[in-house]
Amino acid sequence: MDIISALFAENIDLRSVPGPSTRIDLTGIMFSTPAPSAPPVSITPHLIVLVRCRPAEDGQGVLEVVFRDESGEQIARNVSPFQVEPGKFTYRLVRGELEYKDFGTIEAHCRLLPDGPATVVPLTLIPPV
């Protein structure tokens, strides 16, 4: 299996089109977000991870997401098993509770266990408007 994409987003919508085929509409993709107040602050963004399963694979997987601050320190971790029909795609919605001590970037390191490569997605906290 492979991670096809991982993004912080506000919304995901699935719809069918002729074929049959499925379309995935992602809205509010973000790489930065304004802080709700001065740090320290906690936010809970949605991380959407898209995974494909080859036809010859069994469809059993485990997604690990480790959130790291700019020093490399782990600030949160999520591990979730999933199942996907061989030859198909699935998505996992990961809601991290991220504690920002100051303005800066936290990276989500996404990988399929036991030894898949990491897909790294940054989210930078910027000053409030």
Protein backbone atom coordinates (compact mmCIF):
# COMPACT_ATOMS: atom_id res chain seq x y z
CA MET A 1 0.00 0.00 0.00
CA ASP A 2 1.03 3.60 -0.54
CA ILE A 3 0.16 7.00 0.85
CA ILE A 4 -1.00 8.98 -2.18
CA SER A 5 -1.53 12.29 -0.39
CA ALA A 6 -1.67 13.82 3.07
CA LEU A 7 -3.03 17.34 3.64
CA PHE A 8 -4.51 19.49 6.35
CA ALA A 9 -8.00 20.45 5.16
CA GLU A 10 -11.28 21.89 6.39
CA ASN A 11 -13.58 19.48 4.56
CA ILE A 12 -13.73 16.30 2.47
CA ASP A 13 -16.66 15.29 0.28
CA LEU A 14 -17.03 12.07 -1.72
CA ARG A 15 -19.28 11.85 -4.77
CA SER A 16 -20.00 9.24 -7.42
CA VAL A 17 -19.68 9.85 -11.14
CA PRO A 18 -20.42 7.54 -14.06
CA GLY A 19 -18.09 4.63 -14.47
CA PRO A 20 -18.66 3.90 -11.59
CA SER A 21 -16.03 6.16 -10.19
CA THR A 22 -15.60 8.31 -7.11
CA ARG A 23 -14.49 11.91 -6.85
CA ILE A 24 -12.92 13.32 -3.70
CA ASP A 25 -13.45 17.03 -3.17
CA LEU A 26 -11.09 18.60 -0.62
CA THR A 27 -11.72 22.18 0.49
CA GLY A 28 -9.81 24.53 2.70
CA ILE A 29 -6.39 22.96 2.14
CA MET A 30 -3.99 24.71 4.49
CA PHE A 31 -0.30 24.89 5.22
CA SER A 32 -0.70 27.70 7.74
CA THR A 33 -3.46 28.90 10.04
CA PRO A 34 -3.91 31.98 12.22
CA ALA A 35 -3.75 31.37 15.95
CA PRO A 36 -7.06 31.77 17.81
CA SER A 37 -5.13 33.66 20.51
CA ALA A 38 -1.57 34.29 21.63
CA PRO A 39 0.50 31.12 22.27
CA PRO A 40 0.62 28.80 24.00
CA VAL A 41 -2.46 27.55 22.19
CA SER A 42 -3.98 24.22 21.24
CA ILE A 43 -5.63 23.59 17.86
CA THR A 44 -7.31 20.50 16.36
CA PRO A 45 -6.90 20.54 12.57
CA HIS A 46 -8.03 17.68 10.33
CA LEU A 47 -5.34 15.76 8.47
CA ILE A 48 -6.65 13.75 5.51
CA VAL A 49 -4.46 10.85 4.38
CA LEU A 50 -5.30 9.10 1.08
CA VAL A 51 -4.08 5.49 0.72
CA ARG A 52 -4.13 3.14 -2.27
CA CYS A 53 -4.11 -0.65 -2.15
CA ARG A 54 -2.77 -2.64 -5.08
CA PRO A 55 -4.98 -5.51 -6.38
CA ALA A 56 -2.53 -8.17 -5.13
CA GLU A 57 -2.38 -6.78 -1.57
CA ASP A 58 -4.58 -7.97 1.30
CA GLY A 59 -6.01 -4.57 2.21
CA GLN A 60 -4.95 -4.62 5.87
CA GLY A 61 -2.90 -1.66 7.03
CA VAL A 62 -1.89 0.51 9.95
CA LEU A 63 -1.42 4.27 9.62
CA GLU A 64 0.90 6.05 12.05
CA VAL A 65 1.00 9.84 12.26
CA VAL A 66 3.62 11.45 14.50
CA PHE A 67 3.38 15.20 15.01
CA ARG A 68 6.75 16.88 15.64
CA ASP A 69 7.64 20.46 16.52
CA GLU A 70 10.53 22.41 14.98
CA SER A 71 13.03 20.87 17.40
CA GLY A 72 11.96 17.38 16.28
CA GLU A 73 10.23 16.61 19.56
CA GLN A 74 7.14 14.40 19.32
CA ILE A 75 4.09 16.31 20.57
CA ALA A 76 1.34 13.88 19.53
CA ARG A 77 0.92 10.47 17.90
CA ASN A 78 -1.98 8.60 16.33
CA VAL A 79 -1.95 4.95 15.24
CA SER A 80 -5.00 3.47 13.53
CA PRO A 81 -5.55 0.14 11.77
CA PHE A 82 -7.67 0.20 8.62
CA GLN A 83 -8.99 -2.05 5.88
CA VAL A 84 -9.39 -1.23 2.19
CA GLU A 85 -10.65 -3.39 -0.65
CA PRO A 86 -7.73 -4.57 -2.81
CA GLY A 87 -7.42 -2.46 -5.95
CA LYS A 88 -9.20 0.49 -4.29
CA PHE A 89 -8.42 3.65 -2.35
CA THR A 90 -9.41 4.81 1.13
CA TYR A 91 -8.87 7.84 3.29
CA ARG A 92 -8.12 8.27 6.96
CA LEU A 93 -9.14 11.36 8.87
CA VAL A 94 -6.69 12.15 11.67
CA ARG A 95 -7.55 14.86 14.13
CA GLY A 96 -4.46 15.91 15.99
CA GLU A 97 -4.58 17.95 19.16
CA LEU A 98 -1.59 20.17 18.56
CA GLU A 99 -0.10 22.30 21.31
CA TYR A 100 1.89 25.23 19.94
CA LYS A 101 4.18 26.79 22.56
CA ASP A 102 4.88 29.67 20.15
CA PHE A 103 4.26 30.62 16.54
CA GLY A 104 5.99 28.15 14.25
CA THR A 105 5.57 24.87 12.38
CA ILE A 106 4.47 21.42 13.43
CA GLU A 107 5.00 18.58 10.95
CA ALA A 108 2.79 15.52 10.59
CA HIS A 109 4.97 12.50 9.72
CA CYS A 110 2.59 9.97 8.11
CA ARG A 111 3.61 6.39 7.32
CA LEU A 112 2.19 2.94 6.89
CA LEU A 113 3.55 0.51 9.47
CA PRO A 114 5.77 -1.36 9.84
CA ASP A 115 8.29 0.36 7.57
CA GLY A 116 6.66 2.61 4.97
CA PRO A 117 8.36 5.87 3.97
CA ALA A 118 7.20 9.03 5.72
CA THR A 119 5.07 11.66 3.99
CA VAL A 120 5.66 14.91 5.87
CA VAL A 121 3.02 17.67 5.99
CA PRO A 122 3.75 21.03 7.68
CA LEU A 123 1.24 23.27 9.45
CA THR A 124 2.51 26.70 10.50
CA LEU A 125 0.78 28.72 13.21
CA ILE A 126 0.83 32.42 12.33
CA PRO A 127 -0.16 35.45 14.45
CA PRO A 128 -3.90 36.15 14.76
CA VAL A 129 -5.49 38.75 12.54
